[in-house]
Amino acid sequence: MEGTNRVAVYHSNKDVRVEERPIPPILARELLVKVHASGICGSDVLEWYRVPKAPVVLGHEIAAEVVEAGTEVKEWKPADRVFVSHHVPCGECIYCKTGHETVCQTLRMTNFDPGGFAQYVRVPEVNVRHGVFRIPEGLSYDEATFIEPLGCAVRGQRAANLRAGQTVIVLGSGMAGLLHVRLAQAAGAAKIFATDVVPYRIEAAKAAGADGVWDAKDDVPERVKAFNGGRLADLVIVCTAAPPAVEQAFRCVEPGGTILFFAPTAPDATVSMPFNLLWRNEVTITSTYGAAPRDIREAVELLGKGKVKVKDLITHRLPLQEAGKGFSIVAEGKESIKVVLEPHA
């Protein structure tokens, strides 16, 4: 397929330039997809991580339509509605075989071309093999942009061994935090609490169904105990990069409970840990990064069956021409939850 491909090129959070490039040609085992919707992730605005790699076309939460399939591709055809993973594991290394697919070196080196903030994307062979999933009938392209972030949440809650009847607190009520609230509801958590420092997100967590939502600056551990029969949380999920939230997590977890670190801090950030208390109370500390194919499949099923609702989390839909505005909204992090770019709008 020949023609021009409009893309949003990231230089910094305040410098995103829309350019025209050729539509990338595909090989025999590759796909070309037309991107209908692409979500801006919180990781896309981490300048300490993104700026050194700039200029670059970002975007990894895409919902698309196959427009061309290579001559040796049998399982996909034009007009198929698909979600495409940007990072995919090899499935053969020691990490993949022991359930740690997201530290697989293949996963950390793979990507599609040029990036999800584009009208058209070339899907390499390895991504075609391990990273293309059919969008369920009835799920809109905009809603399908949640497949990847929900897959990340699925992986996190599996690693934390969340069980029905447990009490959960989510520290940080951005988009990832709200997905954790909804996912914990679907998993049968008995009580779900949430925090944030932004009033808009505090209200969003209430709307998402959290049983109690507080300003993170409050005495959160005491709030949890007051609403939970004197007990702290069985599972604490940290969805913010703020070091005070990391330290707060240690004070919110019940003996025998688990802390899941779901968001990165800045590379040079440090936090203090009450090690002896955590050791004595047999607290499990774990972390997860990204999503593997099994997590994506589960996310597709949850969204397709309506077990996790996401449509109301979309606060902004913008054409690709306004990508710079979208990045500014996400970086500001005040009155938005999910910003979706629509490259063909």
Foldseek 3Di string as FASTA:
>chain_A
DWDKKWAWWDQALQDIDIDIDIFDDAAQQKFKWFFFKFWDDLVNHPCVPPNVVPRAGETFLTWTFTCDHHNNDDPDDGRFIKRFGFFAFPCPDPCNVVVNRCVHPSRVPGGWPRYNRMRMIMGDNVRSVFTIDGFAPPQDRHNSSCLFLLLLLLVQCVVQVDAAAFEEEEEDQFQSSLSNVLVSVLRHHPAYEYEEQFPQSQVVSVVSPHPYYYHPVPLVLVVQCVVPVNFAGQEYEYDDQDQVVVASSLSRHGQVHEYEDEDHHPPPDDHDHPVVVCVVSVYHYYYGDTHHSVSSVVSSVCVNVVSGDCPVQADEEEESNCVSVVSNCSNVPHNHRIYMYGPVD
